[in-house]
Protein backbone atom coordinates (compact mmCIF):
# COMPACT_ATOMS: atom_id res chain seq x y z
CA MET A 1 0.00 0.00 0.00
CA ASP A 2 2.95 2.33 0.36
CA GLN A 3 3.37 2.36 -3.41
CA PHE A 4 0.19 4.41 -3.85
CA ARG A 5 -0.31 8.06 -3.08
CA SER A 6 -3.23 9.07 -0.88
CA PHE A 7 -6.24 10.84 -2.39
CA ASP A 8 -5.75 13.57 0.24
CA GLN A 9 -2.68 14.71 -1.73
CA LEU A 10 -4.58 14.88 -5.02
CA ARG A 11 -4.26 18.25 -6.81
CA VAL A 12 -6.03 17.57 -10.12
CA SER A 13 -9.71 16.88 -10.76
CA GLU A 14 -9.16 14.42 -13.65
CA LEU A 15 -7.29 11.14 -13.34
CA PRO A 16 -6.67 9.05 -16.44
CA VAL A 17 -6.77 5.29 -16.11
CA LEU A 18 -3.89 3.43 -17.77
CA ARG A 19 -4.31 -0.10 -19.05
CA HIS A 20 -1.26 -2.34 -18.65
CA GLY A 21 -0.87 -5.71 -20.32
CA PHE A 22 -2.77 -7.41 -23.11
CA TRP A 23 -3.76 -10.93 -22.09
CA ARG A 24 -4.21 -10.26 -18.37
CA PRO A 25 -4.75 -6.49 -18.23
CA TRP A 26 -4.64 -4.47 -15.04
CA TYR A 27 -5.63 -0.84 -14.66
CA GLU A 28 -3.84 1.99 -12.86
CA LEU A 29 -5.42 5.23 -11.62
CA THR A 30 -2.77 7.90 -12.08
CA ASP A 31 -2.20 11.59 -12.67
CA GLY A 32 0.83 10.96 -14.88
CA GLN A 33 3.32 11.28 -12.04
CA PHE A 34 1.86 9.37 -9.07
CA SER A 35 -0.23 6.23 -8.83
CA TYR A 36 -3.43 6.45 -6.76
CA GLY A 37 -4.83 2.95 -7.19
CA LYS A 38 -4.77 -0.32 -9.06
CA LEU A 39 -7.45 -2.70 -10.34
CA THR A 40 -6.56 -6.32 -11.16
CA TYR A 41 -8.60 -9.39 -11.97
CA THR A 42 -7.87 -12.78 -10.46
CA GLY A 43 -9.43 -16.21 -10.52
CA ALA A 44 -11.03 -18.24 -13.25
CA LEU A 45 -13.07 -16.24 -15.75
CA LYS A 46 -12.00 -12.95 -14.09
CA ARG A 47 -14.75 -13.28 -11.47
CA THR A 48 -12.74 -11.66 -8.66
CA CYS A 49 -11.45 -8.10 -8.73
CA LEU A 50 -8.78 -6.70 -6.41
CA LEU A 51 -8.84 -2.95 -5.75
CA GLU A 52 -5.70 -1.50 -4.16
CA THR A 53 -5.23 2.07 -2.90
CA ALA A 54 -3.31 3.86 -0.16
CA ASN A 55 -6.51 3.83 1.95
CA GLY A 56 -6.89 0.05 1.80
CA ASP A 57 -7.48 -3.02 -0.32
CA TRP A 58 -10.83 -4.51 -1.31
CA VAL A 59 -11.92 -7.69 -3.04
CA VAL A 60 -15.01 -7.47 -5.27
CA LYS A 61 -16.65 -10.75 -6.23
CA ARG A 62 -20.05 -12.18 -7.07
CA LYS A 63 -22.21 -13.11 -4.11
CA ASN A 64 -23.00 -16.49 -5.68
CA TRP A 65 -22.23 -18.24 -8.95
CA ILE A 66 -25.27 -17.08 -10.95
CA GLY A 67 -26.32 -14.00 -8.95
CA ARG A 68 -26.06 -10.41 -10.08
CA LYS A 69 -25.05 -8.94 -6.73
CA LEU A 70 -21.41 -8.15 -5.96
CA VAL A 71 -19.87 -8.31 -2.49
CA ILE A 72 -17.08 -5.95 -1.41
CA GLU A 73 -14.77 -7.52 1.16
CA GLN A 74 -11.53 -6.64 2.82
CA PRO A 75 -8.67 -9.09 2.12
CA ASP A 76 -9.26 -10.80 5.49
CA GLY A 77 -12.84 -11.67 4.48
CA ILE A 78 -14.82 -9.01 6.35
CA GLU A 79 -17.73 -7.83 4.20
CA THR A 80 -17.79 -4.04 3.81
CA GLY A 81 -20.50 -3.50 1.21
CA LEU A 82 -22.93 -4.82 -1.36
CA VAL A 83 -23.40 -3.77 -5.00
CA THR A 84 -26.88 -4.43 -6.37
CA PRO A 85 -27.89 -3.88 -10.02
CA GLU A 86 -31.53 -2.88 -10.40
CA ILE A 87 -33.78 -5.08 -12.51
CA TRP A 88 -34.93 -3.52 -15.81
CA SER A 89 -32.67 -0.53 -15.26
CA SER A 90 -29.05 0.42 -15.81
CA LYS A 91 -28.73 1.78 -12.26
CA ILE A 92 -26.42 0.04 -9.81
CA THR A 93 -26.74 0.73 -6.08
CA LEU A 94 -23.86 0.54 -3.61
CA ASN A 95 -24.57 0.03 0.11
CA LEU A 96 -21.52 0.26 2.36
CA ASN A 97 -21.60 -0.88 5.97
CA ASN A 98 -20.67 2.63 7.17
CA GLY A 99 -23.97 3.99 5.81
CA LEU A 100 -22.91 5.39 2.44
CA VAL A 101 -25.48 4.69 -0.28
CA ALA A 102 -24.63 5.69 -3.85
CA THR A 103 -26.08 4.94 -7.27
CA PHE A 104 -24.00 4.44 -10.42
CA TYR A 105 -25.65 5.15 -13.79
CA ASN A 106 -25.61 7.09 -17.07
CA LYS A 107 -27.45 10.38 -16.66
CA LYS A 108 -28.01 10.74 -20.40
CA VAL A 109 -29.12 8.01 -22.79
CA LEU A 110 -26.23 8.05 -25.27
CA SER A 111 -23.55 9.26 -22.89
CA ARG A 112 -20.16 7.64 -22.32
CA THR A 113 -20.05 9.00 -18.77
CA CYS A 114 -21.31 7.10 -15.73
CA THR A 115 -21.80 8.96 -12.46
CA TRP A 116 -21.81 8.00 -8.78
CA VAL A 117 -24.69 9.93 -7.19
CA ASN A 118 -25.65 10.26 -3.52
CA GLU A 119 -29.01 11.73 -2.45
CA GLN A 120 -27.50 14.12 0.11
CA LEU A 121 -24.20 14.99 -1.61
CA GLY A 122 -25.26 14.95 -5.27
CA ASP A 123 -22.73 13.94 -7.93
CA ILE A 124 -19.67 12.30 -6.37
CA LEU A 125 -17.52 11.39 -9.38
CA ASN A 126 -17.73 10.54 -13.08
CA VAL A 127 -16.14 7.71 -15.05
CA GLU A 128 -15.84 8.66 -18.72
CA THR A 129 -15.13 6.00 -21.32
CA LYS A 130 -12.76 7.01 -24.12
CA ILE A 131 -13.55 5.65 -27.57
CA TRP A 132 -10.77 3.93 -29.51
CA SER A 133 -8.26 4.35 -26.73
CA ARG A 134 -6.71 1.09 -25.57
CA LYS A 135 -3.90 2.60 -23.45
CA LYS A 136 -6.09 5.17 -21.61
CA PRO A 137 -9.62 3.70 -21.73
CA PHE A 138 -11.14 5.83 -18.92
CA ILE A 139 -10.90 9.21 -17.23
CA VAL A 140 -12.15 9.65 -13.67
CA LYS A 141 -13.42 13.18 -12.96
CA MET A 142 -14.21 14.39 -9.46
CA ASP A 143 -14.67 17.50 -7.38
CA LEU A 144 -11.71 17.93 -5.03
CA ASP A 145 -14.07 18.98 -2.20
CA MET A 146 -15.57 15.46 -2.22
CA ILE A 147 -12.27 14.02 -0.96
CA LYS A 148 -12.90 15.58 2.45
CA LYS A 149 -16.59 14.61 2.53
CA ILE A 150 -16.26 10.98 1.37
CA PRO A 151 -13.24 9.01 2.60
CA GLU A 152 -14.31 6.06 0.38
CA LEU A 153 -13.66 8.04 -2.82
CA PRO A 154 -10.77 5.77 -3.97
CA LEU A 155 -13.05 2.75 -3.60
CA LEU A 156 -15.79 4.47 -5.61
CA ALA A 157 -13.38 5.45 -8.39
CA LEU A 158 -11.95 1.94 -8.85
CA LEU A 159 -15.33 0.26 -8.35
CA GLY A 160 -16.81 2.52 -11.04
CA ILE A 161 -14.10 1.42 -13.46
CA ASN A 162 -14.83 -2.22 -12.58
CA LEU A 163 -18.57 -1.75 -13.17
CA VAL A 164 -17.99 -0.15 -16.57
CA LEU A 165 -15.68 -3.03 -17.52
CA LEU A 166 -18.37 -5.52 -16.43
CA LYS A 167 -20.98 -3.69 -18.53
CA GLN A 168 -18.65 -3.75 -21.54
CA ALA A 169 -18.02 -7.49 -21.10
CA GLN A 170 -21.77 -8.20 -20.84
CA ALA A 171 -22.44 -6.13 -23.97
CA ALA A 172 -19.71 -7.97 -25.87
CA ALA A 173 -21.09 -11.34 -24.77
CA ALA A 174 -24.60 -10.38 -25.84
CA SER A 175 -23.57 -9.39 -29.37
């Protein structure tokens, strides 16, 4: 965890996401100089995702083999949250054990930007998908004031990238 810089030291509002590797890609949240987090897939069929930041590590995996819900755990197995996709909707709801509830969805129909939204705080951060960009597939945009309000911001940023990647994989499998 000492290889990542804390979000408290962040000075820019846009962080590009770099893709490393071809066969087993992993993704790095960076500002070009410092690394703020890392997303890797492990296990058979890429069913388990490891999110690493300076604030902590989380494991995101399916609750059961055929279910749609995702469980967020710490590496020692303590469950910290639940991600639930809504039926007949593109909205995904996150419920953390500390009380944070946020919804991840596209605000506009043909938009490439997904947004984490909280009822009390409003827009938390955006994950924008870049078209035809294999090296920098995403840009995470956030308000720097949210870093003080939401300590789980690194988790939300990397989890948003993971959810967009899952949506892309489901769309590719359906076509």
